Amino acid sequence: MKKIVLAYSGGLDTSVILKWLSNSGFEVFCFIGNVGQKENFQEIEKKALKTGAANVLTYDLRKEFVTDFIFPALKGNALYEGRYLLGTSLARPILAKAQIEMAKDLNAKYVGHGSTGKGNDQVRFELAYYALNPEIEVIAPWKDSTFLNQFKGRNDLIAYAKKYDIPIGVSKKRPYSEDENLMHISHEAGMLEDPNYRPEESVFTHTSSLKDTPEDEEIIVISFKDGIPISVFNESKKVKITDPLELFVYLNDIGSKHGIGRLDMVENRFIGIKSRGIYETPAGKILWTAHRDIEGLAMDKEVMHLRDSLIPKFSELIYNGLWYSPEMDFIMSAFNKSQEEIDGDVTLSLFKGNVTTIGRKSPTSLYDQDFSSMDKEGGFDAIDAKGFINIHSIRLKAHNLLINKKKK
């Protein structure tokens, strides 16, 4: 039989795909990646075996997800279209990597996934597969004519599941699509496809409503070394956390309590379709705010402006599934260099959905209080500024003369 490693979630789609592949002559090995989604992995494994999987392996990828994917994105302040913190996009390359490694261990020629033909994930998974193993063969049923002829919609999937006694689940399905991991949870489709529809509070599961958040601010201090968060200290509770995974989970918990990290936006998918997404990213919002602030203190002006010019491209590469690309290697090399002296502490106030920087200090600070002070002369002779302005005004004067000449 042909061996295939299938990315398996335990939902209706991948369960039907598992059985369909098995009935089509494949020996199906199910891959489950734990990137922080709140799931009963033992139950998912049992369901896969009952549905016909030859074996099921669950990989705990949470710490690697934080250190090797989220933190590198933080170094570049990645924001897709200036707003989206890329929670789903960042999880795909680590899942694909682990799936390809599983296929290698099993000597499997095929990998498969259940992503649809309209979304971004099909691109993210498959580009990562091919980058990591150019010889791999990908089975994507939602782009397979035989599968599509058999399954026109959800009702066909349900009928197939009933025919083969595949558990569909008794819990009431939330009427929209969701993706959850350590970085975020996303909500889209269903009634949320109307961009003018205000989501009900029941949509949100990872952040508290502002009316339910504490009435007092909470003060935390995040410490950075080479642009990477190395600790978080809660001043009021005298709690300090240094482990990367524990740090990120803690920031998610405390950010959720204060209603931090909600985003409602319409974005441009890679394939050209506009999509409305609602995101909850508590820890990401806190870390991105703190990191940007410590850079203001410790990063050279021209390095910062050059790096910032690359943020849109960097974010687009992540969003489009090009984590394992030569251009990503190039950009990350530059970003790593830019972060070599980004050290220090940022003090933040968390209150009613807001993350507010209230202090910062750095051993590598480029800020000189004497130079900046309005009360001290220090730094340079103020008279020198006259020549500085004269030099920079030359091109403006020339431009003005040209305009006036044309008018005459």
Protein backbone atom coordinates (compact mmCIF):
# COMPACT_ATOMS: atom_id res chain seq x y z
CA MET A 1 0.00 0.00 0.00
CA LYS A 2 1.07 3.60 -0.61
CA LYS A 3 2.06 5.35 2.62
CA ILE A 4 0.74 8.84 3.25
CA VAL A 5 1.15 11.13 6.24
CA LEU A 6 -2.05 13.11 6.66
CA ALA A 7 -2.30 16.32 8.69
CA TYR A 8 -5.22 15.35 10.90
CA SER A 9 -7.36 17.54 13.16
CA GLY A 10 -10.15 15.15 14.08
CA GLY A 11 -12.78 17.33 12.45
CA LEU A 12 -15.34 16.25 9.86
CA ASP A 13 -13.22 17.12 6.81
CA THR A 14 -9.99 15.38 7.78
CA SER A 15 -11.86 12.39 9.21
CA VAL A 16 -13.68 11.87 5.92
CA ILE A 17 -10.43 12.43 4.01
CA LEU A 18 -8.73 9.81 6.20
CA LYS A 19 -11.39 7.22 5.36
CA TRP A 20 -11.50 8.23 1.69
CA LEU A 21 -7.73 7.83 1.36
CA SER A 22 -7.87 4.47 3.11
CA ASN A 23 -10.64 3.32 0.77
CA SER A 24 -8.55 4.58 -2.17
CA GLY A 25 -5.66 2.25 -1.38
CA PHE A 26 -3.48 4.38 0.91
CA GLU A 27 -1.97 3.32 4.21
CA VAL A 28 -2.74 6.45 6.21
CA PHE A 29 -0.56 7.66 9.07
CA CYS A 30 -2.06 10.61 10.90
CA PHE A 31 0.07 13.56 11.98
CA ILE A 32 -1.18 15.78 14.79
CA GLY A 33 0.79 18.87 15.77
CA ASN A 34 0.23 20.43 19.17
CA VAL A 35 0.90 24.15 18.71
CA GLY A 36 -1.22 25.18 21.66
CA GLN A 37 -4.75 24.44 20.54
CA LYS A 38 -7.03 23.37 23.38
CA GLU A 39 -7.87 19.86 22.20
CA ASN A 40 -8.19 16.40 23.73
CA PHE A 41 -5.38 14.82 21.74
CA GLN A 42 -6.01 11.34 23.14
CA GLU A 43 -9.59 11.42 21.89
CA ILE A 44 -8.44 12.67 18.48
CA GLU A 45 -5.92 9.81 18.27
CA LYS A 46 -8.61 7.25 19.19
CA LYS A 47 -10.93 8.67 16.54
CA ALA A 48 -8.23 8.46 13.87
CA LEU A 49 -7.47 4.81 14.68
CA LYS A 50 -11.16 3.96 14.69
CA THR A 51 -11.58 5.68 11.32
CA GLY A 52 -8.84 3.58 9.72
CA ALA A 53 -5.46 5.14 10.43
CA ALA A 54 -2.52 2.74 10.45
CA ASN A 55 -0.99 4.81 13.24
CA VAL A 56 -1.27 8.26 14.80
CA LEU A 57 1.55 10.41 16.15
CA THR A 58 1.09 13.63 18.12
CA TYR A 59 4.02 16.03 18.29
CA ASP A 60 4.33 18.63 21.04
CA LEU A 61 5.61 21.61 19.04
CA ARG A 62 4.69 24.39 21.45
CA LYS A 63 8.11 25.45 22.71
CA GLU A 64 9.69 25.26 19.26
CA PHE A 65 6.77 27.26 17.91
CA VAL A 66 7.55 30.06 20.36
CA THR A 67 11.35 30.09 20.07
CA ASP A 68 11.84 29.33 16.36
CA PHE A 69 8.83 30.99 14.75
CA ILE A 70 7.04 33.52 16.99
CA PHE A 71 10.19 35.11 18.41
CA PRO A 72 11.89 35.46 14.99
CA ALA A 73 8.72 37.15 13.69
CA LEU A 74 8.89 39.44 16.72
CA LYS A 75 12.45 40.44 15.78
CA GLY A 76 11.05 41.84 12.54
CA ASN A 77 7.88 43.31 14.10
CA ALA A 78 5.89 41.32 11.55
CA LEU A 79 2.45 42.81 10.83
CA TYR A 80 0.58 41.83 7.70
CA GLU A 81 -1.04 44.87 6.10
CA GLY A 82 0.03 46.83 9.16
CA ARG A 83 -2.38 45.07 11.51
CA TYR A 84 -2.46 41.26 11.51
CA LEU A 85 0.00 39.50 13.84
CA LEU A 86 0.07 36.38 11.61
CA GLY A 87 -0.97 33.74 14.14
CA THR A 88 -2.20 31.16 11.63
CA SER A 89 0.57 31.94 9.14
CA LEU A 90 3.32 31.36 11.72
CA ALA A 91 1.94 27.98 12.78
CA ARG A 92 1.88 26.46 9.30
CA PRO A 93 5.64 26.18 8.64
CA ILE A 94 6.34 24.36 11.91
CA LEU A 95 3.44 21.96 11.29
CA ALA A 96 4.63 21.27 7.75
CA LYS A 97 8.19 20.75 8.99
CA ALA A 98 7.14 18.17 11.58
CA GLN A 99 4.86 16.44 9.05
CA ILE A 100 7.69 16.15 6.52
CA GLU A 101 9.99 14.77 9.23
CA MET A 102 7.35 12.16 10.11
CA ALA A 103 7.07 11.18 6.44
CA LYS A 104 10.84 10.78 6.27
CA ASP A 105 10.89 8.58 9.37
CA LEU A 106 8.14 6.37 7.89
CA ASN A 107 9.65 6.38 4.40
CA ALA A 108 6.33 7.72 3.14
CA LYS A 109 6.21 9.10 -0.38
CA TYR A 110 3.06 11.17 0.16
CA VAL A 111 1.75 13.85 2.52
CA GLY A 112 -1.77 15.20 2.62
CA HIS A 113 -3.87 17.98 4.11
CA GLY A 114 -7.50 19.05 4.26
CA SER A 115 -7.15 22.72 3.33
CA THR A 116 -9.65 24.10 0.84
CA GLY A 117 -8.94 25.50 -2.60
CA LYS A 118 -9.95 29.06 -1.68
CA GLY A 119 -7.83 29.62 1.40
CA ASN A 120 -4.27 30.54 2.22
CA ASP A 121 -3.38 27.35 4.08
CA GLN A 122 -3.20 25.15 1.00
CA VAL A 123 -0.42 27.41 -0.29
CA ARG A 124 1.38 27.62 3.05
CA PHE A 125 1.43 23.88 3.59
CA GLU A 126 2.37 22.89 0.08
CA LEU A 127 5.10 25.49 -0.43
CA ALA A 128 6.65 24.36 2.85
CA TYR A 129 6.37 20.68 1.87
CA TYR A 130 8.16 21.23 -1.43
CA ALA A 131 10.81 23.50 0.08
CA LEU A 132 11.66 20.91 2.74
CA ASN A 133 11.42 17.86 0.47
CA PRO A 134 11.35 18.57 -3.28
CA GLU A 135 10.60 14.88 -3.98
CA ILE A 136 7.47 14.70 -1.83
CA GLU A 137 4.10 14.13 -3.47
CA VAL A 138 1.13 16.04 -2.10
CA ILE A 139 -2.42 14.74 -1.93
CA ALA A 140 -4.89 17.61 -1.51
CA PRO A 141 -8.42 16.15 -1.82
CA TRP A 142 -10.17 19.51 -2.00
CA LYS A 143 -8.35 20.06 -5.29
CA ASP A 144 -8.85 16.49 -6.54
CA SER A 145 -11.56 16.07 -9.20
CA THR A 146 -12.52 12.56 -8.01
CA PHE A 147 -13.00 13.76 -4.45
CA LEU A 148 -14.86 16.91 -5.55
CA ASN A 149 -17.24 14.89 -7.71
CA GLN A 150 -18.08 12.73 -4.72
CA PHE A 151 -18.34 15.50 -2.12
CA LYS A 152 -20.28 18.57 -3.22
CA GLY A 153 -20.68 20.00 0.26
CA ARG A 154 -21.06 19.39 3.97
CA ASN A 155 -24.12 17.15 3.58
CA ASP A 156 -22.12 14.71 1.45
CA LEU A 157 -19.38 14.63 4.06
CA ILE A 158 -21.89 13.90 6.82
CA ALA A 159 -23.52 11.13 4.78
CA TYR A 160 -20.14 9.52 4.13
CA ALA A 161 -19.25 9.77 7.83
CA LYS A 162 -22.51 8.06 8.79
CA LYS A 163 -21.99 5.33 6.20
CA TYR A 164 -18.64 4.38 7.71
CA ASP A 165 -19.58 5.04 11.34
CA ILE A 166 -17.22 7.99 11.70
CA PRO A 167 -18.11 9.99 14.84
CA ILE A 168 -19.25 13.46 13.82
CA GLY A 169 -19.44 14.86 17.36
CA VAL A 170 -22.38 15.79 19.52
CA SER A 171 -21.33 19.29 20.54
CA LYS A 172 -23.03 22.22 18.84
CA LYS A 173 -20.70 23.55 16.17
CA ARG A 174 -19.82 27.21 16.36
CA PRO A 175 -21.21 28.72 13.14
CA TYR A 176 -17.84 29.93 11.82
CA SER A 177 -14.38 28.66 11.06
CA GLU A 178 -11.72 28.93 13.76
CA ASP A 179 -8.00 28.29 13.98
CA GLU A 180 -6.38 28.16 17.41
CA ASN A 181 -2.77 28.01 18.51
CA LEU A 182 -0.52 29.62 21.13
CA MET A 183 -0.23 32.80 19.12
CA HIS A 184 -3.92 33.44 18.56
CA ILE A 185 -7.38 32.25 17.71
CA SER A 186 -9.02 33.37 14.48
CA HIS A 187 -12.71 33.49 13.62
CA GLU A 188 -14.05 33.77 10.08
CA ALA A 189 -16.80 32.59 7.68
CA GLY A 190 -20.47 32.13 8.51
CA MET A 191 -22.21 35.32 9.61
CA LEU A 192 -18.78 36.95 9.99
CA GLU A 193 -18.48 37.11 6.19
CA ASP A 194 -20.63 40.23 6.34
CA PRO A 195 -17.96 42.90 6.94
CA ASN A 196 -20.55 45.20 8.53
CA TYR A 197 -21.76 42.60 11.03
CA ARG A 198 -20.65 43.29 14.59
CA PRO A 199 -19.64 40.00 16.20
CA GLU A 200 -21.46 39.02 19.34
CA GLU A 201 -19.44 38.72 22.52
CA SER A 202 -19.85 34.93 22.36
CA VAL A 203 -17.48 34.89 19.36
CA PHE A 204 -14.53 35.80 21.57
CA THR A 205 -12.97 32.97 23.58
CA HIS A 206 -9.42 34.19 24.31
CA THR A 207 -10.07 37.75 25.53
CA SER A 208 -12.40 39.16 28.15
CA SER A 209 -15.00 41.75 27.28
CA LEU A 210 -13.85 45.19 28.42
CA LYS A 211 -16.81 45.44 30.78
CA ASP A 212 -15.55 42.30 32.55
CA THR A 213 -11.90 43.32 32.82
CA PRO A 214 -10.32 44.45 36.13
CA GLU A 215 -10.79 48.03 37.27
CA ASP A 216 -7.11 48.36 38.18
CA GLU A 217 -4.10 48.34 35.87
CA GLU A 218 -1.50 45.60 36.09
CA ILE A 219 2.18 46.44 35.76
CA ILE A 220 4.64 44.04 34.14
CA VAL A 221 8.27 44.30 33.06
CA ILE A 222 9.49 42.43 29.98
CA SER A 223 13.25 41.98 29.58
CA PHE A 224 14.92 41.54 26.19
CA LYS A 225 18.28 40.19 25.07
CA ASP A 226 19.22 40.50 21.39
CA GLY A 227 15.60 41.34 20.61
CA ILE A 228 14.25 38.19 22.27
CA PRO A 229 12.09 38.31 25.43
CA ILE A 230 13.96 36.49 28.19
CA SER A 231 11.72 37.19 31.18
CA VAL A 232 8.48 38.74 32.34
CA PHE A 233 8.09 40.14 35.86
CA ASN A 234 4.76 41.01 37.42
CA GLU A 235 5.48 43.81 39.88
CA SER A 236 2.24 43.55 41.81
CA LYS A 237 2.33 39.78 42.24
CA LYS A 238 6.14 39.42 42.41
CA VAL A 239 6.09 36.69 39.78
CA LYS A 240 9.01 36.20 37.37
CA ILE A 241 8.98 33.79 34.43
CA THR A 242 11.95 32.99 32.20
CA ASP A 243 11.04 29.83 30.27
CA PRO A 244 10.00 30.90 26.72
CA LEU A 245 6.87 28.76 26.56
CA GLU A 246 5.77 29.55 30.11
CA LEU A 247 6.44 33.24 29.45
CA PHE A 248 4.24 33.24 26.37
CA VAL A 249 1.44 31.30 28.07
CA TYR A 250 1.56 33.69 31.03
CA LEU A 251 1.28 36.74 28.76
CA ASN A 252 -1.67 35.11 27.00
CA ASP A 253 -3.40 34.56 30.34
CA ILE A 254 -2.79 38.03 31.71
CA GLY A 255 -3.54 39.70 28.39
CA SER A 256 -6.78 37.76 28.07
CA LYS A 257 -7.86 38.90 31.53
CA HIS A 258 -7.42 42.54 30.50
CA GLY A 259 -9.14 42.18 27.11
CA ILE A 260 -5.96 42.77 25.12
CA GLY A 261 -5.34 41.70 21.52
CA ARG A 262 -8.64 41.86 19.63
CA LEU A 263 -8.58 42.74 15.94
CA ASP A 264 -11.36 42.87 13.34
CA MET A 265 -10.13 43.46 9.78
CA VAL A 266 -10.65 42.75 6.10
CA GLU A 267 -7.42 41.41 4.61
CA ASN A 268 -6.16 40.38 1.20
CA ARG A 269 -5.55 36.66 0.83
CA PHE A 270 -2.59 35.45 -1.22
CA ILE A 271 -4.88 34.08 -3.92
CA GLY A 272 -6.52 37.48 -4.41
CA ILE A 273 -9.74 37.14 -2.42
CA LYS A 274 -10.60 39.60 0.34
CA SER A 275 -11.44 37.99 3.66
CA ARG A 276 -12.87 39.31 6.93
CA GLY A 277 -11.08 37.90 9.97
CA ILE A 278 -11.47 38.42 13.69
CA TYR A 279 -8.39 37.69 15.76
CA GLU A 280 -7.48 37.44 19.43
CA THR A 281 -3.74 37.69 20.10
CA PRO A 282 -3.10 38.71 23.74
CA ALA A 283 0.58 37.74 24.20
CA GLY A 284 1.48 38.83 20.69
CA LYS A 285 0.02 42.29 21.19
CA ILE A 286 1.92 42.73 24.47
CA LEU A 287 5.25 41.51 23.12
CA TRP A 288 5.07 43.47 19.87
CA THR A 289 4.38 46.67 21.83
CA ALA A 290 7.26 46.08 24.24
CA HIS A 291 9.73 45.05 21.54
CA ARG A 292 9.01 48.06 19.38
CA ASP A 293 9.55 50.30 22.37
CA ILE A 294 12.93 48.88 23.43
CA GLU A 295 14.10 49.29 19.85
CA GLY A 296 13.34 52.99 20.12
CA LEU A 297 15.90 53.18 22.89
CA ALA A 298 18.60 50.82 21.60
CA MET A 299 18.43 50.70 17.79
CA ASP A 300 20.35 53.01 15.47
CA LYS A 301 18.12 55.37 13.51
CA GLU A 302 19.26 54.38 10.01
CA VAL A 303 19.24 50.65 10.85
CA MET A 304 15.69 51.04 12.19
CA HIS A 305 14.44 52.88 9.12
CA LEU A 306 16.05 50.36 6.79
CA ARG A 307 14.67 47.42 8.77
CA ASP A 308 11.23 49.01 8.91
CA SER A 309 11.19 49.31 5.13
CA LEU A 310 11.42 45.50 5.00
CA ILE A 311 8.58 44.79 7.45
CA PRO A 312 5.82 44.74 4.79
CA LYS A 313 7.79 42.29 2.65
CA PHE A 314 8.76 40.15 5.66
CA SER A 315 5.13 39.97 6.78
CA GLU A 316 3.96 39.15 3.28
CA LEU A 317 6.44 36.28 3.03
CA ILE A 318 5.11 34.80 6.27
CA TYR A 319 1.50 35.31 5.22
CA ASN A 320 2.05 33.76 1.80
CA GLY A 321 3.76 30.64 3.13
CA LEU A 322 7.34 31.45 2.11
CA TRP A 323 9.01 30.85 5.47
CA TYR A 324 11.43 28.38 3.84
CA SER A 325 12.61 30.59 0.99
CA PRO A 326 15.92 32.22 0.06
CA GLU A 327 14.44 35.68 0.41
CA MET A 328 13.30 34.84 3.96
CA ASP A 329 16.81 33.62 4.81
CA PHE A 330 18.19 36.91 3.51
CA ILE A 331 15.77 39.09 5.46
CA MET A 332 16.15 37.10 8.68
CA SER A 333 19.94 37.41 8.49
CA ALA A 334 19.56 41.18 8.31
CA PHE A 335 17.01 41.24 11.13
CA ASN A 336 19.20 39.08 13.37
CA LYS A 337 22.04 41.53 12.84
CA SER A 338 19.77 44.46 13.69
CA GLN A 339 18.81 42.85 17.01
CA GLU A 340 22.30 42.22 18.38
CA GLU A 341 22.16 45.13 20.85
CA ILE A 342 18.42 45.25 21.52
CA ASP A 343 18.68 44.62 25.25
CA GLY A 344 16.79 46.03 28.21
CA ASP A 345 13.55 46.23 30.15
CA VAL A 346 10.18 47.65 29.15
CA THR A 347 7.58 48.43 31.81
CA LEU A 348 3.99 48.11 30.65
CA SER A 349 0.59 48.95 32.02
CA LEU A 350 -2.19 46.52 31.07
CA PHE A 351 -5.63 48.03 31.44
CA LYS A 352 -8.99 47.79 29.68
CA GLY A 353 -7.70 46.40 26.39
CA ASN A 354 -4.69 48.71 26.28
CA VAL A 355 -0.97 47.99 26.45
CA THR A 356 0.78 51.20 27.47
CA THR A 357 4.52 51.60 27.84
CA ILE A 358 5.29 53.54 31.01
CA GLY A 359 9.07 53.07 31.22
CA ARG A 360 12.10 51.57 29.57
CA LYS A 361 15.82 51.15 30.25
CA SER A 362 18.66 49.52 28.37
CA PRO A 363 22.38 48.85 28.93
CA THR A 364 22.82 49.40 25.19
CA SER A 365 20.75 52.59 25.07
CA LEU A 366 21.62 55.15 22.41
CA TYR A 367 19.56 57.75 24.23
CA ASP A 368 21.60 60.50 25.91
CA GLN A 369 19.62 62.66 28.27
CA ASP A 370 22.11 65.52 28.05
CA PHE A 371 21.95 65.53 24.24
CA SER A 372 18.15 65.42 24.24
CA SER A 373 17.48 67.79 27.12
CA MET A 374 15.84 71.15 26.48
CA ASP A 375 17.50 72.42 29.65
CA LYS A 376 21.12 71.64 28.75
CA GLU A 377 23.25 72.79 25.86
CA GLY A 378 25.29 69.50 25.58
CA GLY A 379 25.95 67.45 22.49
CA PHE A 380 26.85 70.09 19.89
CA ASP A 381 27.03 73.81 19.42
CA ALA A 382 23.52 75.04 18.64
CA ILE A 383 24.99 77.49 16.11
CA ASP A 384 26.03 74.46 14.02
CA ALA A 385 22.35 73.76 13.40
CA LYS A 386 22.22 76.84 11.18
CA GLY A 387 24.60 75.29 8.65
CA PHE A 388 22.83 71.94 8.91
CA ILE A 389 19.52 73.55 7.96
CA ASN A 390 21.11 75.62 5.19
CA ILE A 391 22.58 72.52 3.55
CA HIS A 392 19.32 70.59 3.73
CA SER A 393 17.35 73.53 2.36
CA ILE A 394 19.36 73.73 -0.89
CA ARG A 395 17.22 71.24 -2.80
CA LEU A 396 14.00 72.80 -1.48
CA LYS A 397 15.08 76.22 -2.69
CA ALA A 398 16.01 74.77 -6.07
CA HIS A 399 12.64 73.06 -6.34
CA ASN A 400 10.82 76.26 -5.53
CA LEU A 401 12.82 78.24 -8.11
CA LEU A 402 11.95 75.64 -10.77
CA ILE A 403 8.23 75.85 -9.98
CA ASN A 404 8.24 79.64 -10.12
CA LYS A 405 10.20 79.56 -13.41
CA LYS A 406 7.55 77.29 -14.97
CA LYS A 407 4.76 79.60 -13.80
CA LYS A 408 6.41 82.52 -15.60
